[in-house]
Amino acid sequence: MVLDSEKGGRVLGIDPGEKRFGLALSDPLGITAQGLETLEITKKSDWIDRVHDIIEEYRVRLVVLGLPLAMSGGEIEGTGRSRELAREIKEHCGVEVILRDERMTSKEAERVMRGEGRIRDAGDIDKLSAVLLLQGYLDERNA
């Protein structure tokens, strides 16, 4: 297993939405994902600047970005938006971005949080969706 600390940084997971981005961050060893925050999207420049700050602060070397797809696997409205976000993150922040199928992460996050009675607002679901997205990537990579 190759540890993230050996590569010089953590992995940032982003579950992108139209109004909010859920964020999750790997531990330094790249084994577990923890919820970081939920960004409210008001202006494009605000979110990219905040993502850049997080990448710098935590020495992030890789971003795993959710790619919305139809249940059939085909592209939907948000698919192109995620591809554009990936391009912007690469250009503005200078890190590698991996697009990862995010089908069912929001539904699974909502199911988990409702079962535990932990939903305070929609941002909670977005953050847990980012955790599920990132943890899935970490688990596959470390298997």
C-alpha atoms as a PDB file:
ATOM      1  CA  MET A   1       0.000   0.000   0.000  1.00  0.00           C
ATOM      2  CA  VAL A   2       1.302   3.481  -0.888  1.00  0.00           C
ATOM      3  CA  LEU A   3       0.564   6.039   1.796  1.00  0.00           C
ATOM      4  CA  ASP A   4      -0.507   9.589   0.979  1.00  0.00           C
ATOM      5  CA  SER A   5       2.082  10.909   3.424  1.00  0.00           C
ATOM      6  CA  GLU A   6       4.791   9.317   1.249  1.00  0.00           C
ATOM      7  CA  LYS A   7       3.470  11.225  -1.744  1.00  0.00           C
ATOM      8  CA  GLY A   8       3.409  14.523   0.165  1.00  0.00           C
ATOM      9  CA  GLY A   9      -0.237  15.198   0.777  1.00  0.00           C
ATOM     10  CA  ARG A  10      -3.785  14.232   1.521  1.00  0.00           C
ATOM     11  CA  VAL A  11      -6.753  13.597  -0.722  1.00  0.00           C
ATOM     12  CA  LEU A  12      -9.693  16.014  -0.842  1.00  0.00           C
ATOM     13  CA  GLY A  13     -13.156  14.721  -1.757  1.00  0.00           C
ATOM     14  CA  ILE A  14     -15.726  17.087  -3.238  1.00  0.00           C
ATOM     15  CA  ASP A  15     -19.400  16.304  -3.733  1.00  0.00           C
ATOM     16  CA  PRO A  16     -20.435  19.167  -6.041  1.00  0.00           C
ATOM     17  CA  GLY A  17     -23.935  20.539  -6.209  1.00  0.00           C
ATOM     18  CA  GLU A  18     -25.600  23.587  -7.668  1.00  0.00           C
ATOM     19  CA  LYS A  19     -25.877  25.399  -4.314  1.00  0.00           C
ATOM     20  CA  ARG A  20     -23.384  23.600  -2.058  1.00  0.00           C
ATOM     21  CA  PHE A  21     -20.206  21.546  -2.208  1.00  0.00           C
ATOM     22  CA  GLY A  22     -19.635  18.923   0.459  1.00  0.00           C
ATOM     23  CA  LEU A  23     -15.971  18.491   1.348  1.00  0.00           C
ATOM     24  CA  ALA A  24     -14.105  15.587   2.948  1.00  0.00           C
ATOM     25  CA  LEU A  25     -10.427  15.077   3.665  1.00  0.00           C
ATOM     26  CA  SER A  26      -8.340  11.935   4.020  1.00  0.00           C
ATOM     27  CA  ASP A  27      -6.192  11.326   7.056  1.00  0.00           C
ATOM     28  CA  PRO A  28      -2.426  11.705   6.427  1.00  0.00           C
ATOM     29  CA  LEU A  29      -2.094   7.951   5.777  1.00  0.00           C
ATOM     30  CA  GLY A  30      -4.867   7.926   3.166  1.00  0.00           C
ATOM     31  CA  ILE A  31      -6.948   5.319   4.980  1.00  0.00           C
ATOM     32  CA  THR A  32     -10.020   7.171   6.220  1.00  0.00           C
ATOM     33  CA  ALA A  33     -12.119  10.113   5.088  1.00  0.00           C
ATOM     34  CA  GLN A  34     -13.518  12.714   7.464  1.00  0.00           C
ATOM     35  CA  GLY A  35     -16.078  15.403   6.759  1.00  0.00           C
ATOM     36  CA  LEU A  36     -14.482  18.814   6.458  1.00  0.00           C
ATOM     37  CA  GLU A  37     -17.122  21.429   5.642  1.00  0.00           C
ATOM     38  CA  THR A  38     -19.905  22.408   3.307  1.00  0.00           C
ATOM     39  CA  LEU A  39     -19.311  25.350   0.975  1.00  0.00           C
ATOM     40  CA  GLU A  40     -22.284  27.489   0.060  1.00  0.00           C
ATOM     41  CA  ILE A  41     -21.871  28.557  -3.558  1.00  0.00           C
ATOM     42  CA  THR A  42     -22.563  32.246  -4.070  1.00  0.00           C
ATOM     43  CA  LYS A  43     -19.865  33.304  -6.515  1.00  0.00           C
ATOM     44  CA  LYS A  44     -17.612  31.090  -8.585  1.00  0.00           C
ATOM     45  CA  SER A  45     -14.498  32.867  -7.366  1.00  0.00           C
ATOM     46  CA  ASP A  46     -15.415  32.249  -3.720  1.00  0.00           C
ATOM     47  CA  TRP A  47     -15.491  28.453  -3.969  1.00  0.00           C
ATOM     48  CA  ILE A  48     -12.328  28.110  -6.027  1.00  0.00           C
ATOM     49  CA  ASP A  49     -10.439  30.378  -3.641  1.00  0.00           C
ATOM     50  CA  ARG A  50     -11.644  28.352  -0.632  1.00  0.00           C
ATOM     51  CA  VAL A  51     -10.726  25.048  -2.316  1.00  0.00           C
ATOM     52  CA  HIS A  52      -7.290  26.499  -3.115  1.00  0.00           C
ATOM     53  CA  ASP A  53      -6.840  27.531   0.543  1.00  0.00           C
ATOM     54  CA  ILE A  54      -7.783  24.025   1.737  1.00  0.00           C
ATOM     55  CA  ILE A  55      -5.388  22.426  -0.743  1.00  0.00           C
ATOM     56  CA  GLU A  56      -2.571  24.638   0.527  1.00  0.00           C
ATOM     57  CA  GLU A  57      -3.429  24.293   4.242  1.00  0.00           C
ATOM     58  CA  TYR A  58      -3.693  20.489   4.219  1.00  0.00           C
ATOM     59  CA  ARG A  59      -1.076  19.808   1.528  1.00  0.00           C
ATOM     60  CA  VAL A  60      -3.662  18.116  -0.679  1.00  0.00           C
ATOM     61  CA  ARG A  61      -2.071  16.333  -3.653  1.00  0.00           C
ATOM     62  CA  LEU A  62      -5.222  14.895  -5.240  1.00  0.00           C
ATOM     63  CA  VAL A  63      -8.881  15.873  -5.508  1.00  0.00           C
ATOM     64  CA  VAL A  64     -11.603  13.259  -5.975  1.00  0.00           C
ATOM     65  CA  LEU A  65     -14.569  15.060  -7.523  1.00  0.00           C
ATOM     66  CA  GLY A  66     -18.034  13.584  -7.769  1.00  0.00           C
ATOM     67  CA  LEU A  67     -19.313  12.957 -11.290  1.00  0.00           C
ATOM     68  CA  PRO A  68     -23.096  12.856 -11.479  1.00  0.00           C
ATOM     69  CA  LEU A  69     -24.414  10.224 -13.856  1.00  0.00           C
ATOM     70  CA  ALA A  70     -27.846   8.846 -14.678  1.00  0.00           C
ATOM     71  CA  MET A  71     -28.678   5.479 -13.128  1.00  0.00           C
ATOM     72  CA  SER A  72     -28.064   4.008 -16.587  1.00  0.00           C
ATOM     73  CA  GLY A  73     -24.524   5.402 -16.495  1.00  0.00           C
ATOM     74  CA  GLY A  74     -25.210   8.086 -19.085  1.00  0.00           C
ATOM     75  CA  GLU A  75     -24.427  11.743 -18.727  1.00  0.00           C
ATOM     76  CA  ILE A  76     -26.886  14.205 -17.178  1.00  0.00           C
ATOM     77  CA  GLU A  77     -26.939  17.979 -16.688  1.00  0.00           C
ATOM     78  CA  GLY A  78     -24.465  17.947 -13.782  1.00  0.00           C
ATOM     79  CA  THR A  79     -21.936  15.759 -15.595  1.00  0.00           C
ATOM     80  CA  GLY A  80     -20.632  18.580 -17.759  1.00  0.00           C
ATOM     81  CA  ARG A  81     -20.557  20.922 -14.768  1.00  0.00           C
ATOM     82  CA  SER A  82     -18.314  18.476 -12.866  1.00  0.00           C
ATOM     83  CA  ARG A  83     -15.985  18.133 -15.828  1.00  0.00           C
ATOM     84  CA  GLU A  84     -15.686  21.938 -15.940  1.00  0.00           C
ATOM     85  CA  LEU A  85     -15.077  22.085 -12.160  1.00  0.00           C
ATOM     86  CA  ALA A  86     -12.302  19.502 -12.544  1.00  0.00           C
ATOM     87  CA  ARG A  87     -10.653  21.620 -15.235  1.00  0.00           C
ATOM     88  CA  GLU A  88     -10.901  24.750 -13.077  1.00  0.00           C
ATOM     89  CA  ILE A  89      -9.438  23.031 -10.013  1.00  0.00           C
ATOM     90  CA  LYS A  90      -6.508  21.664 -12.057  1.00  0.00           C
ATOM     91  CA  GLU A  91      -5.800  25.081 -13.587  1.00  0.00           C
ATOM     92  CA  HIS A  92      -6.299  27.218 -10.472  1.00  0.00           C
ATOM     93  CA  CYS A  93      -4.952  24.873  -7.783  1.00  0.00           C
ATOM     94  CA  GLY A  94      -2.370  22.843  -9.684  1.00  0.00           C
ATOM     95  CA  VAL A  95      -3.429  19.409  -8.400  1.00  0.00           C
ATOM     96  CA  GLU A  96      -4.567  16.231 -10.091  1.00  0.00           C
ATOM     97  CA  VAL A  97      -8.343  15.727 -10.170  1.00  0.00           C
ATOM     98  CA  ILE A  98     -10.044  12.356 -10.507  1.00  0.00           C
ATOM     99  CA  LEU A  99     -13.715  12.255 -11.494  1.00  0.00           C
ATOM    100  CA  ARG A 100     -15.580   9.514  -9.633  1.00  0.00           C
ATOM    101  CA  ASP A 101     -19.118   8.240 -10.161  1.00  0.00           C
ATOM    102  CA  GLU A 102     -21.232   9.688  -7.378  1.00  0.00           C
ATOM    103  CA  ARG A 103     -24.462   7.835  -8.083  1.00  0.00           C
ATOM    104  CA  MET A 104     -26.268   7.065  -4.852  1.00  0.00           C
ATOM    105  CA  THR A 105     -23.861   8.881  -2.493  1.00  0.00           C
ATOM    106  CA  SER A 106     -26.458  11.541  -1.598  1.00  0.00           C
ATOM    107  CA  LYS A 107     -29.205   8.939  -1.168  1.00  0.00           C
ATOM    108  CA  GLU A 108     -26.947   6.778   0.995  1.00  0.00           C
ATOM    109  CA  ALA A 109     -25.874   9.791   3.069  1.00  0.00           C
ATOM    110  CA  GLU A 110     -29.483  10.812   3.635  1.00  0.00           C
ATOM    111  CA  ARG A 111     -30.451   7.253   4.577  1.00  0.00           C
ATOM    112  CA  VAL A 112     -27.606   6.987   7.100  1.00  0.00           C
ATOM    113  CA  MET A 113     -28.282  10.378   8.649  1.00  0.00           C
ATOM    114  CA  ARG A 114     -32.042   9.851   8.908  1.00  0.00           C
ATOM    115  CA  GLY A 115     -31.426   6.472  10.515  1.00  0.00           C
ATOM    116  CA  GLU A 116     -29.203   8.123  13.107  1.00  0.00           C
ATOM    117  CA  GLY A 117     -31.430  11.205  13.500  1.00  0.00           C
ATOM    118  CA  ARG A 118     -28.519  13.488  12.623  1.00  0.00           C
ATOM    119  CA  ILE A 119     -29.838  15.657   9.780  1.00  0.00           C
ATOM    120  CA  ARG A 120     -29.763  19.323  10.758  1.00  0.00           C
ATOM    121  CA  ASP A 121     -29.684  20.766   7.255  1.00  0.00           C
ATOM    122  CA  ALA A 122     -28.974  19.823   3.642  1.00  0.00           C
ATOM    123  CA  GLY A 123     -25.302  20.725   4.127  1.00  0.00           C
ATOM    124  CA  ASP A 124     -24.947  17.741   6.462  1.00  0.00           C
ATOM    125  CA  ILE A 125     -25.962  15.405   3.631  1.00  0.00           C
ATOM    126  CA  ASP A 126     -23.558  17.103   1.214  1.00  0.00           C
ATOM    127  CA  LYS A 127     -20.634  16.692   3.620  1.00  0.00           C
ATOM    128  CA  LEU A 128     -21.416  13.017   4.315  1.00  0.00           C
ATOM    129  CA  SER A 129     -21.801  12.439   0.559  1.00  0.00           C
ATOM    130  CA  ALA A 130     -18.258  13.761   0.127  1.00  0.00           C
ATOM    131  CA  VAL A 131     -17.063  11.399   2.875  1.00  0.00           C
ATOM    132  CA  LEU A 132     -18.717   8.402   1.161  1.00  0.00           C
ATOM    133  CA  LEU A 133     -17.286   9.430  -2.216  1.00  0.00           C
ATOM    134  CA  LEU A 134     -13.769   9.808  -0.841  1.00  0.00           C
ATOM    135  CA  GLN A 135     -13.897   6.706   1.365  1.00  0.00           C
ATOM    136  CA  GLY A 136     -14.966   4.619  -1.630  1.00  0.00           C
ATOM    137  CA  TYR A 137     -11.974   5.896  -3.581  1.00  0.00           C
ATOM    138  CA  LEU A 138      -9.567   5.275  -0.673  1.00  0.00           C
ATOM    139  CA  ASP A 139     -10.903   1.759  -0.104  1.00  0.00           C
ATOM    140  CA  GLU A 140     -10.497   0.806  -3.773  1.00  0.00           C
ATOM    141  CA  ARG A 141      -7.043   2.332  -4.030  1.00  0.00           C
ATOM    142  CA  ASN A 142      -5.810   0.656  -0.832  1.00  0.00           C
ATOM    143  CA  ALA A 143      -7.285  -2.783  -1.588  1.00  0.00           C
END
